[in-house]
């Protein structure tokens, strides 16, 4: 098992539960392509690393979730404080300003992950 964790956004700012973010997996770099078993995206709080409570009561997405891909085959996972129509796949963040980490466990990863050839796409802040 490999755990991929992001603690900063694409601009190197610490991730924060009061802000909105997206992680976009291009069609040729989907999580399914680099695991032989299970993967998930979970938002956890810092410093306790517990699943972040949120108003949508949605705590993770994984390879068993009914995820809708974009027209180009990419997968975008958003985190926001409220449901936003612009995102098909969304986790909710906590309303208070708390440090936040997307936590991605990958079970039985393929060699590309083990060798560092496949990495987590940048976490991008959105409005």
N, C-alpha and C. Protein backbone atom coordinates (compact mmCIF):
# COMPACT_ATOMS: atom_id res chain seq x y z
N UNK A 1 0.84 -1.17 0.00
CA UNK A 1 0.00 0.00 0.00
C UNK A 1 0.89 1.24 0.00
N UNK A 2 0.46 2.25 -0.75
CA UNK A 2 1.15 3.53 -0.82
C UNK A 2 0.12 4.61 -0.46
N UNK A 3 0.53 5.55 0.38
CA UNK A 3 -0.32 6.69 0.72
C UNK A 3 0.22 7.93 0.02
N UNK A 4 -0.61 8.57 -0.77
CA UNK A 4 -0.25 9.84 -1.40
C UNK A 4 -0.99 10.93 -0.64
N UNK A 5 -0.26 11.95 -0.22
CA UNK A 5 -0.85 13.02 0.57
C UNK A 5 -0.41 14.36 0.00
N UNK A 6 -1.35 15.28 -0.10
CA UNK A 6 -1.02 16.65 -0.51
C UNK A 6 -1.25 17.55 0.69
N UNK A 7 -0.28 18.40 0.99
CA UNK A 7 -0.43 19.33 2.09
C UNK A 7 -0.44 20.79 1.62
N UNK A 8 -0.10 21.01 0.34
CA UNK A 8 -0.04 22.37 -0.22
C UNK A 8 -0.72 22.37 -1.59
N UNK A 9 -1.20 23.53 -1.96
CA UNK A 9 -1.82 23.64 -3.28
C UNK A 9 -0.75 23.90 -4.34
N UNK A 10 -1.17 24.08 -5.56
CA UNK A 10 -0.24 24.27 -6.68
C UNK A 10 0.61 25.52 -6.52
N UNK A 11 0.15 26.48 -5.71
CA UNK A 11 0.91 27.71 -5.43
C UNK A 11 1.73 27.61 -4.15
N UNK A 12 1.85 26.40 -3.62
CA UNK A 12 2.62 26.13 -2.40
C UNK A 12 2.01 26.72 -1.13
N UNK A 13 0.72 27.04 -1.15
CA UNK A 13 0.04 27.51 0.05
C UNK A 13 -0.53 26.30 0.79
N UNK A 14 -0.48 26.30 2.15
CA UNK A 14 -1.05 25.17 2.90
C UNK A 14 -2.53 25.01 2.60
N UNK A 15 -2.99 23.78 2.47
CA UNK A 15 -4.40 23.52 2.22
C UNK A 15 -5.19 23.87 3.47
N UNK A 16 -6.41 24.37 3.26
CA UNK A 16 -7.20 24.90 4.34
C UNK A 16 -8.65 24.49 4.15
N UNK A 17 -9.29 24.01 5.20
CA UNK A 17 -10.68 23.57 5.12
C UNK A 17 -11.67 24.65 4.75
N UNK A 18 -11.29 25.91 4.86
CA UNK A 18 -12.18 26.99 4.50
C UNK A 18 -12.10 27.38 3.03
N UNK A 19 -11.22 26.75 2.27
CA UNK A 19 -11.03 27.10 0.86
C UNK A 19 -11.56 25.98 -0.04
N UNK A 20 -11.67 26.28 -1.33
CA UNK A 20 -12.15 25.32 -2.33
C UNK A 20 -10.99 24.88 -3.21
N UNK A 21 -10.99 23.58 -3.57
CA UNK A 21 -9.90 23.02 -4.36
C UNK A 21 -10.42 22.02 -5.38
N UNK A 22 -9.60 21.77 -6.38
CA UNK A 22 -9.85 20.67 -7.31
C UNK A 22 -8.56 19.88 -7.53
N UNK A 23 -8.73 18.59 -7.73
CA UNK A 23 -7.65 17.72 -8.19
C UNK A 23 -8.14 17.15 -9.51
N UNK A 24 -7.40 17.40 -10.57
CA UNK A 24 -7.81 16.92 -11.90
C UNK A 24 -6.85 15.85 -12.36
N UNK A 25 -7.39 14.64 -12.55
CA UNK A 25 -6.62 13.52 -13.07
C UNK A 25 -6.83 13.47 -14.58
N UNK A 26 -5.80 13.71 -15.38
CA UNK A 26 -5.96 13.61 -16.83
C UNK A 26 -6.38 12.18 -17.22
N UNK A 27 -7.00 12.05 -18.37
CA UNK A 27 -7.50 10.75 -18.82
C UNK A 27 -6.41 9.68 -18.85
N UNK A 28 -5.18 10.07 -19.16
CA UNK A 28 -4.11 9.08 -19.25
C UNK A 28 -3.40 8.84 -17.91
N UNK A 29 -3.89 9.48 -16.83
CA UNK A 29 -3.28 9.31 -15.51
C UNK A 29 -4.32 9.13 -14.42
N UNK A 30 -5.38 8.39 -14.73
CA UNK A 30 -6.42 8.12 -13.75
C UNK A 30 -5.91 7.18 -12.67
N UNK A 31 -6.41 7.31 -11.45
CA UNK A 31 -5.96 6.40 -10.38
C UNK A 31 -6.13 4.92 -10.73
N UNK A 32 -7.21 4.58 -11.42
CA UNK A 32 -7.44 3.18 -11.80
C UNK A 32 -6.29 2.59 -12.62
N UNK A 33 -5.56 3.45 -13.32
CA UNK A 33 -4.50 2.96 -14.20
C UNK A 33 -3.24 2.54 -13.45
N UNK A 34 -3.15 2.89 -12.16
CA UNK A 34 -1.90 2.62 -11.44
C UNK A 34 -2.08 1.77 -10.18
N UNK A 35 -3.23 1.15 -10.04
CA UNK A 35 -3.42 0.23 -8.92
C UNK A 35 -3.98 -1.09 -9.43
N UNK A 36 -3.66 -2.14 -8.71
CA UNK A 36 -4.20 -3.46 -9.03
C UNK A 36 -5.33 -3.84 -8.08
N UNK A 37 -5.71 -2.92 -7.22
CA UNK A 37 -6.77 -3.20 -6.25
C UNK A 37 -7.62 -1.96 -6.05
N UNK A 38 -7.45 -1.29 -4.92
CA UNK A 38 -8.36 -0.24 -4.45
C UNK A 38 -7.63 1.09 -4.32
N UNK A 39 -8.29 2.19 -4.65
CA UNK A 39 -7.79 3.53 -4.38
C UNK A 39 -8.94 4.37 -3.83
N UNK A 40 -8.59 5.43 -3.11
CA UNK A 40 -9.62 6.35 -2.63
C UNK A 40 -9.04 7.74 -2.43
N UNK A 41 -9.93 8.72 -2.35
CA UNK A 41 -9.58 10.09 -1.99
C UNK A 41 -10.40 10.41 -0.75
N UNK A 42 -9.72 10.77 0.32
CA UNK A 42 -10.35 11.07 1.60
C UNK A 42 -9.81 12.41 2.08
N UNK A 43 -10.65 13.27 2.63
CA UNK A 43 -10.17 14.51 3.24
C UNK A 43 -10.05 14.28 4.74
N UNK A 44 -8.86 14.53 5.25
CA UNK A 44 -8.63 14.39 6.69
C UNK A 44 -8.16 15.72 7.26
N UNK A 45 -8.48 15.95 8.52
CA UNK A 45 -8.05 17.16 9.21
C UNK A 45 -6.67 16.97 9.83
N UNK A 46 -6.05 18.09 10.12
CA UNK A 46 -4.74 18.09 10.75
C UNK A 46 -4.91 18.81 12.09
N UNK A 47 -4.36 18.37 13.16
CA UNK A 47 -3.27 17.40 13.26
C UNK A 47 -3.72 15.98 13.56
N UNK A 48 -5.03 15.73 13.69
CA UNK A 48 -5.47 14.41 14.16
C UNK A 48 -5.61 13.35 13.05
N UNK A 49 -5.58 13.76 11.79
CA UNK A 49 -5.71 12.85 10.65
C UNK A 49 -7.01 12.04 10.68
N UNK A 50 -8.04 12.62 11.21
CA UNK A 50 -9.37 11.99 11.19
C UNK A 50 -10.15 12.55 10.01
N UNK A 51 -11.09 11.76 9.54
CA UNK A 51 -11.92 12.21 8.43
C UNK A 51 -12.61 13.51 8.82
N UNK A 52 -12.56 14.48 7.93
CA UNK A 52 -13.10 15.81 8.20
C UNK A 52 -14.63 15.78 8.16
N UNK A 53 -15.29 16.18 9.26
CA UNK A 53 -16.75 16.27 9.21
C UNK A 53 -17.16 17.35 8.22
N UNK A 54 -18.29 17.17 7.57
CA UNK A 54 -18.69 18.13 6.56
C UNK A 54 -20.20 18.12 6.36
N UNK A 55 -20.76 19.20 5.82
CA UNK A 55 -22.22 19.31 5.69
C UNK A 55 -22.84 18.34 4.68
N UNK A 56 -22.08 17.80 3.76
CA UNK A 56 -22.64 16.86 2.79
C UNK A 56 -22.60 15.42 3.30
N UNK A 57 -21.94 15.19 4.44
CA UNK A 57 -21.74 13.83 4.96
C UNK A 57 -21.18 12.89 3.89
N UNK A 58 -20.28 13.42 3.10
CA UNK A 58 -19.59 12.63 2.06
C UNK A 58 -18.11 12.63 2.45
N UNK A 59 -17.56 11.45 2.61
CA UNK A 59 -16.23 11.38 3.21
C UNK A 59 -15.14 10.84 2.29
N UNK A 60 -15.51 10.19 1.22
CA UNK A 60 -14.48 9.73 0.29
C UNK A 60 -15.09 9.39 -1.06
N UNK A 61 -14.19 9.27 -2.03
CA UNK A 61 -14.50 8.69 -3.33
C UNK A 61 -13.48 7.61 -3.56
N UNK A 62 -13.89 6.57 -4.27
CA UNK A 62 -12.96 5.48 -4.56
C UNK A 62 -13.34 4.82 -5.87
N UNK A 63 -12.62 3.76 -6.20
CA UNK A 63 -12.88 3.11 -7.48
C UNK A 63 -14.23 2.40 -7.53
N UNK A 64 -14.98 2.35 -6.44
CA UNK A 64 -16.33 1.79 -6.44
C UNK A 64 -17.40 2.88 -6.49
N UNK A 65 -17.00 4.14 -6.39
CA UNK A 65 -17.95 5.25 -6.43
C UNK A 65 -18.41 5.49 -7.87
N UNK A 66 -19.65 5.95 -8.05
CA UNK A 66 -20.13 6.26 -9.41
C UNK A 66 -19.58 7.61 -9.87
N UNK A 67 -18.34 7.61 -10.28
CA UNK A 67 -17.66 8.85 -10.66
C UNK A 67 -17.94 9.18 -12.13
N UNK A 68 -18.24 10.43 -12.39
CA UNK A 68 -18.52 10.88 -13.75
C UNK A 68 -17.29 11.60 -14.29
N UNK A 69 -16.80 11.12 -15.40
CA UNK A 69 -15.63 11.72 -16.03
C UNK A 69 -16.04 12.83 -16.98
N UNK A 70 -15.09 13.71 -17.27
CA UNK A 70 -15.32 14.78 -18.23
C UNK A 70 -15.38 14.23 -19.64
N UNK A 71 -15.77 15.06 -20.58
CA UNK A 71 -15.87 14.65 -21.98
C UNK A 71 -14.54 14.14 -22.52
N UNK A 72 -13.43 14.64 -21.98
CA UNK A 72 -12.10 14.21 -22.42
C UNK A 72 -11.59 12.99 -21.67
N UNK A 73 -12.41 12.41 -20.78
CA UNK A 73 -12.01 11.23 -20.03
C UNK A 73 -11.32 11.53 -18.72
N UNK A 74 -11.12 12.80 -18.41
CA UNK A 74 -10.45 13.18 -17.16
C UNK A 74 -11.42 13.05 -15.98
N UNK A 75 -10.85 13.04 -14.79
CA UNK A 75 -11.65 12.98 -13.57
C UNK A 75 -11.25 14.16 -12.69
N UNK A 76 -12.21 14.99 -12.33
CA UNK A 76 -11.96 16.13 -11.45
C UNK A 76 -12.71 15.90 -10.15
N UNK A 77 -11.97 15.95 -9.05
CA UNK A 77 -12.57 15.83 -7.72
C UNK A 77 -12.41 17.18 -7.05
N UNK A 78 -13.52 17.72 -6.59
CA UNK A 78 -13.52 19.03 -5.96
C UNK A 78 -13.77 18.91 -4.47
N UNK A 79 -13.26 19.87 -3.73
CA UNK A 79 -13.62 20.00 -2.32
C UNK A 79 -14.10 21.43 -2.13
N UNK A 80 -15.25 21.58 -1.53
CA UNK A 80 -15.85 22.90 -1.32
C UNK A 80 -16.76 22.84 -0.11
N UNK A 81 -17.09 24.00 0.45
CA UNK A 81 -17.93 24.03 1.64
C UNK A 81 -19.40 23.78 1.34
N UNK A 82 -19.81 23.96 0.11
CA UNK A 82 -21.20 23.72 -0.25
C UNK A 82 -21.26 23.05 -1.62
N UNK A 83 -22.39 22.46 -1.90
CA UNK A 83 -22.55 21.77 -3.19
C UNK A 83 -22.46 22.80 -4.31
N UNK A 84 -21.59 22.50 -5.28
CA UNK A 84 -21.41 23.42 -6.42
C UNK A 84 -21.75 22.67 -7.69
N UNK A 85 -22.67 23.19 -8.44
CA UNK A 85 -23.12 22.53 -9.67
C UNK A 85 -22.01 22.34 -10.70
N UNK A 86 -21.00 23.16 -10.63
CA UNK A 86 -19.93 23.08 -11.62
C UNK A 86 -19.14 21.78 -11.51
N UNK A 87 -19.21 21.12 -10.35
CA UNK A 87 -18.42 19.90 -10.15
C UNK A 87 -19.31 18.68 -10.10
N UNK A 88 -18.99 17.70 -10.89
CA UNK A 88 -19.76 16.46 -10.89
C UNK A 88 -19.40 15.57 -9.71
N UNK A 89 -18.17 15.65 -9.28
CA UNK A 89 -17.66 14.80 -8.20
C UNK A 89 -17.12 15.72 -7.13
N UNK A 90 -17.74 15.74 -5.96
CA UNK A 90 -17.34 16.72 -4.96
C UNK A 90 -17.36 16.15 -3.55
N UNK A 91 -16.27 16.40 -2.82
CA UNK A 91 -16.23 16.20 -1.38
C UNK A 91 -16.48 17.54 -0.74
N UNK A 92 -17.01 17.56 0.46
CA UNK A 92 -17.24 18.82 1.15
C UNK A 92 -16.14 19.04 2.18
N UNK A 93 -15.75 20.27 2.36
CA UNK A 93 -14.77 20.60 3.38
C UNK A 93 -15.47 21.11 4.62
N UNK A 94 -14.72 21.20 5.66
CA UNK A 94 -15.27 21.73 6.91
C UNK A 94 -15.46 23.23 6.78
N UNK A 95 -16.42 23.76 7.48
CA UNK A 95 -16.72 25.19 7.37
C UNK A 95 -15.66 26.06 8.06
N UNK A 96 -15.06 25.55 9.10
CA UNK A 96 -14.07 26.36 9.81
C UNK A 96 -12.72 26.28 9.10
N UNK A 97 -11.86 27.19 9.40
CA UNK A 97 -10.53 27.19 8.80
C UNK A 97 -9.64 26.20 9.53
N UNK A 98 -9.52 25.03 8.98
CA UNK A 98 -8.73 23.95 9.57
C UNK A 98 -7.78 23.45 8.49
N UNK A 99 -6.58 23.09 8.90
CA UNK A 99 -5.68 22.48 7.93
C UNK A 99 -6.33 21.21 7.39
N UNK A 100 -6.04 20.89 6.17
CA UNK A 100 -6.74 19.82 5.47
C UNK A 100 -5.76 19.07 4.58
N UNK A 101 -5.92 17.77 4.49
CA UNK A 101 -5.06 16.96 3.61
C UNK A 101 -5.91 16.03 2.77
N UNK A 102 -5.78 16.06 1.44
CA UNK A 102 -6.33 14.96 0.65
C UNK A 102 -5.42 13.76 0.89
N UNK A 103 -6.01 12.66 1.25
CA UNK A 103 -5.28 11.46 1.62
C UNK A 103 -5.70 10.38 0.63
N UNK A 104 -4.77 9.83 -0.12
CA UNK A 104 -5.10 8.87 -1.16
C UNK A 104 -4.39 7.55 -0.92
N UNK A 105 -5.04 6.59 -0.28
CA UNK A 105 -4.42 5.27 -0.17
C UNK A 105 -4.58 4.49 -1.48
N UNK A 106 -3.50 3.90 -1.91
CA UNK A 106 -3.49 3.07 -3.12
C UNK A 106 -3.06 1.67 -2.70
N UNK A 107 -3.94 0.70 -2.87
CA UNK A 107 -3.65 -0.67 -2.49
C UNK A 107 -3.15 -1.43 -3.71
N UNK A 108 -2.11 -2.17 -3.54
CA UNK A 108 -1.44 -2.94 -4.59
C UNK A 108 -1.12 -2.02 -5.78
N UNK A 109 -0.30 -1.00 -5.52
CA UNK A 109 0.05 -0.08 -6.60
C UNK A 109 0.94 -0.74 -7.65
N UNK A 110 0.83 -0.26 -8.86
CA UNK A 110 1.69 -0.76 -9.93
C UNK A 110 3.08 -0.13 -9.80
N UNK A 111 4.03 -0.65 -10.54
CA UNK A 111 5.42 -0.20 -10.44
C UNK A 111 5.60 1.29 -10.71
N UNK A 112 4.78 1.87 -11.57
CA UNK A 112 4.92 3.30 -11.89
C UNK A 112 4.77 4.16 -10.63
N UNK A 113 3.90 3.76 -9.71
CA UNK A 113 3.73 4.50 -8.46
C UNK A 113 4.94 4.26 -7.57
N UNK A 114 5.36 3.02 -7.46
CA UNK A 114 6.49 2.67 -6.59
C UNK A 114 7.77 3.37 -7.04
N UNK A 115 7.94 3.54 -8.33
CA UNK A 115 9.15 4.19 -8.85
C UNK A 115 9.04 5.71 -8.91
N UNK A 116 7.87 6.25 -8.55
CA UNK A 116 7.67 7.70 -8.58
C UNK A 116 7.40 8.25 -9.96
N UNK A 117 7.08 7.39 -10.92
CA UNK A 117 6.79 7.83 -12.28
C UNK A 117 5.36 8.38 -12.40
N UNK A 118 4.49 7.99 -11.50
CA UNK A 118 3.12 8.49 -11.44
C UNK A 118 2.97 9.21 -10.12
N UNK A 119 2.56 10.47 -10.16
CA UNK A 119 2.41 11.24 -8.94
C UNK A 119 1.02 11.88 -8.90
N UNK A 120 0.66 12.34 -7.74
CA UNK A 120 -0.61 13.01 -7.55
C UNK A 120 -0.61 14.32 -8.34
N UNK A 121 -1.67 14.58 -9.11
CA UNK A 121 -1.75 15.87 -9.79
C UNK A 121 -1.80 17.01 -8.77
N UNK A 122 -1.48 18.23 -9.19
CA UNK A 122 -1.52 19.35 -8.24
C UNK A 122 -2.94 19.61 -7.74
N UNK A 123 -3.02 20.05 -6.51
CA UNK A 123 -4.28 20.48 -5.92
C UNK A 123 -4.38 21.97 -6.20
N UNK A 124 -5.42 22.37 -6.92
CA UNK A 124 -5.55 23.74 -7.38
C UNK A 124 -6.67 24.46 -6.62
N UNK A 125 -6.35 25.63 -6.09
CA UNK A 125 -7.36 26.45 -5.41
C UNK A 125 -8.32 27.01 -6.45
N UNK A 126 -9.62 27.07 -6.09
CA UNK A 126 -10.64 27.63 -6.97
C UNK A 126 -11.44 28.67 -6.19
N UNK A 127 -12.20 29.44 -6.90
CA UNK A 127 -13.07 30.46 -6.26
C UNK A 127 -14.43 29.87 -5.95
